[in-house]
Protein backbone atom coordinates (compact mmCIF):
# COMPACT_ATOMS: atom_id res chain seq x y z
CA MET A 1 56.58 -1.15 50.37
CA GLY A 2 54.73 -1.57 53.68
CA ASP A 3 52.62 -4.48 54.86
CA MET A 4 49.28 -2.77 54.18
CA GLU A 5 50.31 -1.86 50.66
CA ARG A 6 51.38 -5.43 49.92
CA ALA A 7 48.22 -6.91 51.39
CA GLY A 8 45.76 -4.74 49.45
CA ASN A 9 42.19 -5.22 50.66
CA PRO A 10 42.57 -7.05 54.00
CA LEU A 11 39.06 -8.49 53.86
CA GLN A 12 39.83 -10.05 50.49
CA GLN A 13 43.02 -11.45 52.00
CA VAL A 14 41.01 -13.09 54.79
CA LYS A 15 38.43 -14.49 52.34
CA ARG A 16 41.10 -16.02 50.15
CA ALA A 17 42.85 -17.59 53.13
CA LEU A 18 39.70 -18.95 54.78
CA PRO A 19 39.51 -22.32 52.92
CA GLU A 20 43.00 -23.29 54.11
CA LEU A 21 42.38 -22.37 57.74
CA ASN A 22 40.96 -24.58 60.43
CA GLY A 23 40.17 -24.57 64.10
CA ALA A 24 40.89 -21.40 66.06
CA MET A 25 42.42 -19.48 63.15
CA GLN A 26 39.32 -20.15 61.08
CA ARG A 27 37.11 -18.78 63.87
CA VAL A 28 39.22 -15.63 64.05
CA ALA A 29 38.99 -15.16 60.28
CA GLU A 30 35.23 -15.69 60.26
CA HIS A 31 34.79 -13.15 63.05
CA ILE A 32 36.86 -10.60 61.13
CA LEU A 33 34.72 -11.05 58.02
CA ALA A 34 31.49 -10.83 60.00
CA ASN A 35 32.51 -7.80 62.10
CA PRO A 36 35.22 -5.82 60.29
CA ASP A 37 34.28 -2.47 61.84
CA GLU A 38 34.31 -3.94 65.35
CA VAL A 39 37.71 -5.60 64.79
CA ALA A 40 39.13 -2.39 63.31
CA ARG A 41 38.34 -0.58 66.56
CA GLY A 42 39.09 -3.39 69.00
CA SER A 43 42.10 -4.87 70.74
CA ILE A 44 43.79 -8.20 70.08
CA THR A 45 42.39 -9.46 73.39
CA LYS A 46 38.84 -8.59 72.42
CA LEU A 47 39.17 -10.36 69.07
CA ALA A 48 40.67 -13.43 70.73
CA GLU A 49 37.82 -13.59 73.24
CA ALA A 50 35.20 -13.21 70.52
CA ALA A 51 36.76 -16.11 68.57
CA GLN A 52 37.26 -18.16 71.75
CA THR A 53 41.00 -18.44 71.27
CA SER A 54 44.26 -16.82 72.36
CA ALA A 55 46.00 -13.62 71.36
CA ALA A 56 48.85 -15.75 70.01
CA THR A 57 46.45 -17.34 67.50
CA VAL A 58 45.33 -13.90 66.33
CA THR A 59 48.97 -12.94 65.83
CA ARG A 60 49.64 -16.14 63.84
CA LEU A 61 46.70 -15.40 61.57
CA SER A 62 47.95 -11.85 61.04
CA THR A 63 51.40 -13.03 59.95
CA HIS A 64 49.84 -15.80 57.85
CA LEU A 65 47.98 -13.09 55.94
CA GLY A 66 51.22 -11.21 55.30
CA PHE A 67 51.08 -8.59 58.03
CA ALA A 68 53.83 -7.86 60.55
CA GLY A 69 51.37 -8.53 63.36
CA TYR A 70 47.89 -7.74 64.62
CA PRO A 71 48.42 -3.94 64.83
CA ALA A 72 49.23 -3.87 61.11
CA LEU A 73 46.17 -6.00 60.28
CA ARG A 74 43.93 -3.82 62.43
CA ALA A 75 45.27 -0.65 60.79
CA ALA A 76 44.58 -2.09 57.33
CA LEU A 77 41.05 -3.06 58.39
CA ALA A 78 40.42 0.42 59.79
CA MET A 79 41.52 1.96 56.50
CA GLU A 80 39.31 -0.38 54.48
CA VAL A 81 36.27 0.14 56.71
CA GLY A 82 36.78 3.89 56.45
CA ARG A 83 36.89 3.68 52.65
CA GLY A 84 33.68 1.64 52.67
CA ILE A 85 31.90 4.15 54.88
CA GLU A 86 33.01 7.05 52.70
CA ALA A 87 31.93 5.26 49.52
CA GLY A 88 28.56 4.34 51.00
CA TRP A 89 28.04 7.88 52.24
CA ALA A 90 29.00 9.41 48.89
CA SER A 91 26.64 7.17 46.92
CA ASP A 92 23.74 7.73 49.34
CA ILE A 93 23.95 11.21 50.87
CA GLY A 94 26.33 12.71 48.29
CA MET A 95 29.61 14.61 48.30
CA ALA A 96 28.20 18.04 49.22
CA ILE A 97 27.98 16.99 52.88
CA GLY A 98 30.62 14.97 54.67
CA PRO A 99 30.11 12.44 57.49
CA ALA A 100 32.02 14.68 59.91
CA ASP A 101 30.58 18.05 58.85
CA PRO A 102 29.23 20.15 61.75
CA PRO A 103 25.47 20.83 61.98
CA GLU A 104 25.90 24.42 60.77
CA GLN A 105 27.59 23.22 57.58
CA VAL A 106 24.93 20.57 56.98
CA LEU A 107 22.17 23.16 57.41
CA ASN A 108 23.89 25.61 55.06
CA VAL A 109 24.30 22.99 52.34
CA LEU A 110 20.69 21.80 52.60
CA ALA A 111 19.36 25.37 52.58
CA SER A 112 21.54 26.22 49.59
CA THR A 113 20.45 23.20 47.57
CA GLN A 114 16.80 23.95 48.32
CA ALA A 115 17.22 27.59 47.35
CA ASN A 116 18.79 26.58 44.03
CA ALA A 117 15.96 24.14 43.38
CA LEU A 118 13.34 26.80 44.06
CA ARG A 119 15.08 29.23 41.70
CA ASN A 120 15.11 26.55 39.02
CA ALA A 121 11.41 25.92 39.59
CA LEU A 122 10.60 29.63 39.23
CA ALA A 123 12.23 29.59 35.81
CA SER A 124 10.69 26.29 34.70
CA ILE A 125 7.06 26.04 35.85
CA ASP A 126 4.54 26.68 33.08
CA LEU A 127 2.13 29.16 34.66
CA ALA A 128 -0.42 28.96 31.85
CA ALA A 129 -0.53 25.20 32.34
CA ALA A 130 -0.87 25.71 36.10
CA ALA A 131 -3.88 27.96 35.56
CA ARG A 132 -5.44 25.39 33.24
CA VAL A 133 -4.95 22.57 35.75
CA ALA A 134 -6.34 24.71 38.58
CA ASP A 135 -9.45 25.45 36.51
CA SER A 136 -9.89 21.75 35.84
CA ILE A 137 -9.45 20.68 39.47
CA ALA A 138 -11.83 23.38 40.72
CA GLY A 139 -14.54 22.15 38.36
CA ALA A 140 -13.80 18.43 38.28
CA ARG A 141 -16.24 15.76 39.34
CA ARG A 142 -13.31 14.09 41.05
CA THR A 143 -9.54 14.50 41.20
CA HIS A 144 -7.31 11.51 41.88
CA ILE A 145 -3.74 12.12 43.06
CA TYR A 146 -1.09 9.39 42.96
CA GLY A 147 2.40 9.19 44.42
CA GLU A 148 4.73 6.32 45.28
CA TRP A 149 7.19 6.22 48.21
CA GLY A 150 9.00 9.59 48.47
CA ASP A 151 6.80 11.05 45.74
CA ALA A 152 3.82 10.45 48.00
CA ILE A 153 4.93 13.23 50.38
CA PRO A 154 4.12 16.28 48.19
CA ALA A 155 1.28 14.36 46.53
CA ARG A 156 -0.42 13.60 49.84
CA GLU A 157 0.08 17.16 51.05
CA LEU A 158 -1.68 18.50 47.96
CA TYR A 159 -4.49 16.00 48.53
CA ILE A 160 -4.95 17.11 52.16
CA ARG A 161 -5.01 20.80 51.24
CA LEU A 162 -7.52 20.32 48.43
CA LEU A 163 -9.69 18.13 50.63
CA ARG A 164 -9.70 20.83 53.32
CA ILE A 165 -11.30 23.34 50.94
CA GLY A 166 -13.98 20.93 49.83
CA ILE A 167 -12.52 19.70 46.54
CA PRO A 168 -13.66 16.13 45.73
CA VAL A 169 -10.20 14.57 45.79
CA TRP A 170 -8.74 11.14 46.58
CA PHE A 171 -5.16 10.01 47.14
CA PHE A 172 -3.75 6.68 45.95
CA ASP A 173 -0.46 4.84 46.25
CA GLY A 174 0.51 1.31 45.32
CA PRO A 175 -0.26 -0.54 42.07
CA GLN A 176 -3.54 -2.12 43.17
CA ALA A 177 -5.04 1.07 44.60
CA GLY A 178 -3.78 3.00 41.59
CA SER A 179 -5.40 0.57 39.19
CA ILE A 180 -8.75 0.91 40.93
CA GLY A 181 -8.50 4.69 41.26
CA SER A 182 -7.55 5.28 37.64
CA GLY A 183 -10.33 3.00 36.44
CA LEU A 184 -12.95 5.26 38.07
CA LEU A 185 -12.01 8.36 36.10
CA GLU A 186 -13.75 9.71 33.03
CA SER A 187 -14.07 12.90 31.00
CA GLY A 188 -14.17 15.95 33.26
CA ASP A 189 -12.01 14.32 35.93
CA VAL A 190 -8.36 15.00 36.75
CA ALA A 191 -5.54 12.51 37.38
CA LEU A 192 -2.41 14.06 38.89
CA VAL A 193 0.83 12.28 39.75
CA VAL A 194 4.05 13.34 41.43
CA THR A 195 7.03 11.42 40.06
CA ARG A 196 10.56 12.71 40.59
CA GLN A 197 12.10 10.34 38.01
CA GLY A 198 9.14 10.00 35.68
CA ASN A 199 9.59 6.29 35.09
CA ASP A 200 7.83 4.44 37.91
CA PRO A 201 5.85 1.58 36.29
CA ALA A 202 2.84 1.81 38.64
CA THR A 203 2.62 5.58 38.20
CA LEU A 204 2.88 5.21 34.43
CA GLU A 205 0.05 2.69 34.44
CA PHE A 206 -2.08 5.06 36.55
CA ILE A 207 -1.56 7.84 34.00
CA LYS A 208 -2.28 5.57 31.03
CA ARG A 209 -5.51 4.16 32.50
CA SER A 210 -6.69 7.60 33.58
CA LYS A 211 -6.04 9.04 30.14
CA ALA A 212 -7.85 6.15 28.47
CA GLY A 213 -10.90 6.96 30.59
CA GLY A 214 -10.92 10.56 29.38
CA ALA A 215 -9.46 12.32 32.43
CA LEU A 216 -7.05 15.23 32.18
CA THR A 217 -3.66 13.74 33.11
CA VAL A 218 -1.09 15.87 34.94
CA ALA A 219 2.47 15.05 36.02
CA ILE A 220 4.75 16.94 38.40
CA THR A 221 8.25 15.65 37.64
CA GLY A 222 11.95 16.41 37.51
CA VAL A 223 12.27 14.68 34.12
CA ALA A 224 9.82 16.02 31.57
CA ASP A 225 11.25 13.84 28.80
CA SER A 226 10.42 10.58 30.56
CA PRO A 227 7.92 7.76 29.98
CA ILE A 228 5.35 9.47 32.21
CA GLY A 229 6.18 12.93 30.90
CA ARG A 230 5.54 11.77 27.34
CA VAL A 231 2.13 10.31 28.22
CA ALA A 232 0.67 12.96 30.54
CA GLU A 233 -1.29 15.75 28.86
CA VAL A 234 0.10 18.45 31.15
CA VAL A 235 3.66 18.16 32.48
CA PHE A 236 5.18 20.42 35.10
CA ASP A 237 8.95 20.34 34.74
CA THR A 238 10.08 21.44 38.19
CA GLY A 239 13.51 22.45 36.92
CA THR A 240 15.61 20.16 39.11
CA PRO A 241 16.63 16.96 37.33
CA VAL A 242 16.95 13.65 39.10
CA GLY A 243 20.22 13.06 40.91
CA GLY A 244 21.68 9.90 42.32
CA THR A 245 22.04 11.02 45.94
CA TRP A 246 19.73 11.95 48.80
CA THR A 247 20.97 15.56 48.83
CA GLU A 248 19.96 15.96 45.18
CA LEU A 249 16.63 14.26 45.83
CA PHE A 250 16.04 16.59 48.79
CA ALA A 251 16.58 19.59 46.53
CA GLY A 252 14.25 18.23 43.87
CA ARG A 253 11.57 17.48 46.41
CA ALA A 254 11.48 21.17 47.34
CA SER A 255 10.59 22.07 43.75
CA ASP A 256 7.91 19.35 43.68
CA THR A 257 6.38 20.76 46.86
CA LEU A 258 6.48 24.30 45.47
CA THR A 259 4.63 23.19 42.34
CA ALA A 260 2.00 21.36 44.37
CA GLY A 261 1.61 24.40 46.62
CA LEU A 262 1.14 26.64 43.60
CA LEU A 263 -1.65 24.42 42.30
CA PHE A 264 -3.39 24.44 45.69
CA VAL A 265 -3.40 28.24 45.94
CA LEU A 266 -4.58 28.63 42.34
CA VAL A 267 -7.45 26.23 43.01
CA ALA A 268 -8.29 28.09 46.23
CA GLN A 269 -8.46 31.34 44.25
CA ARG A 270 -11.16 29.76 42.13
CA VAL A 271 -13.30 28.69 45.09
CA PRO A 272 -12.87 31.55 47.59
CA ASP A 273 -16.18 30.70 49.25
CA HIS A 274 -14.57 27.43 50.37
CA LEU A 275 -11.95 29.16 52.47
CA THR A 276 -12.38 29.20 56.23
CA ALA A 277 -10.64 32.29 57.56
CA ASN A 278 -13.84 33.17 59.46
CA HIS A 279 -14.47 29.67 60.79
CA PRO A 280 -15.51 29.81 64.49
CA ASN A 281 -12.60 27.53 65.36
CA GLY A 282 -10.07 29.52 63.36
CA PRO A 283 -8.58 29.29 59.86
CA GLY A 284 -7.57 25.97 58.41
CA GLN A 285 -10.68 24.07 59.45
CA PRO A 286 -12.29 21.65 56.97
CA VAL A 287 -15.15 23.09 54.94
CA ILE A 288 -17.19 19.92 55.26
CA THR A 289 -17.86 18.87 58.84
CA PRO A 290 -19.51 15.67 60.11
CA ASP A 291 -22.73 17.64 60.79
CA SER A 292 -23.05 19.14 57.33
């Protein structure tokens, strides 16, 4: 059995040995623990200089830890750092894309996951409910839209598009703003939230307070059977459940955005006189100008 196999996790080896070290060897050990990736790529001379000691001291520490010498310690550190990077990448970005994948592969994976999410949304979105919500927004005294963190992206986009065509709409994020915004709603108003997971406490409170005031409550979510999904009167299941990685979240966000876009166009169909294709400055201009 080789040195690296005997030693196991080299960082754990260094931590266990640290209390019995002193002086220069202790400084070397502390530098290894503080900068494992740097040490894994560096030379014995560089490590010795960083710890203000000699290469011989680095070698003594290496053998004290059970390695044949510094090269063996550095190789073990490189392997451990690599495992840590891979584990961190897998838990954050996901396994569908690798850290060394070329741009073309990354693009293909992202496009594929989005396409799958959009197909799921086509099969899942309740169109009758969408028509009902569009009717309500078009005729509402006020519509309040709420989204936290990443959920705020499609929520804010829907807000901007509705505002552009003259719909009385406000956007809120954060518990305090949400509490105030939901408290202003009453019968005839609409409260709409975007919530990928369906369990955000502040978003749930926004829905509950809005519903208590008499507003129609609407949720765009990836988890219909969730705390928010069970409270909202109208729930749009976007067809892409919540995943634990960014790649899965990216896919789900596409279905959220599609649902929000559908609602905008359905509302616009109900107020065609609000559209601005013939605006002197071109399409896409706000209906309400500072002079009006």
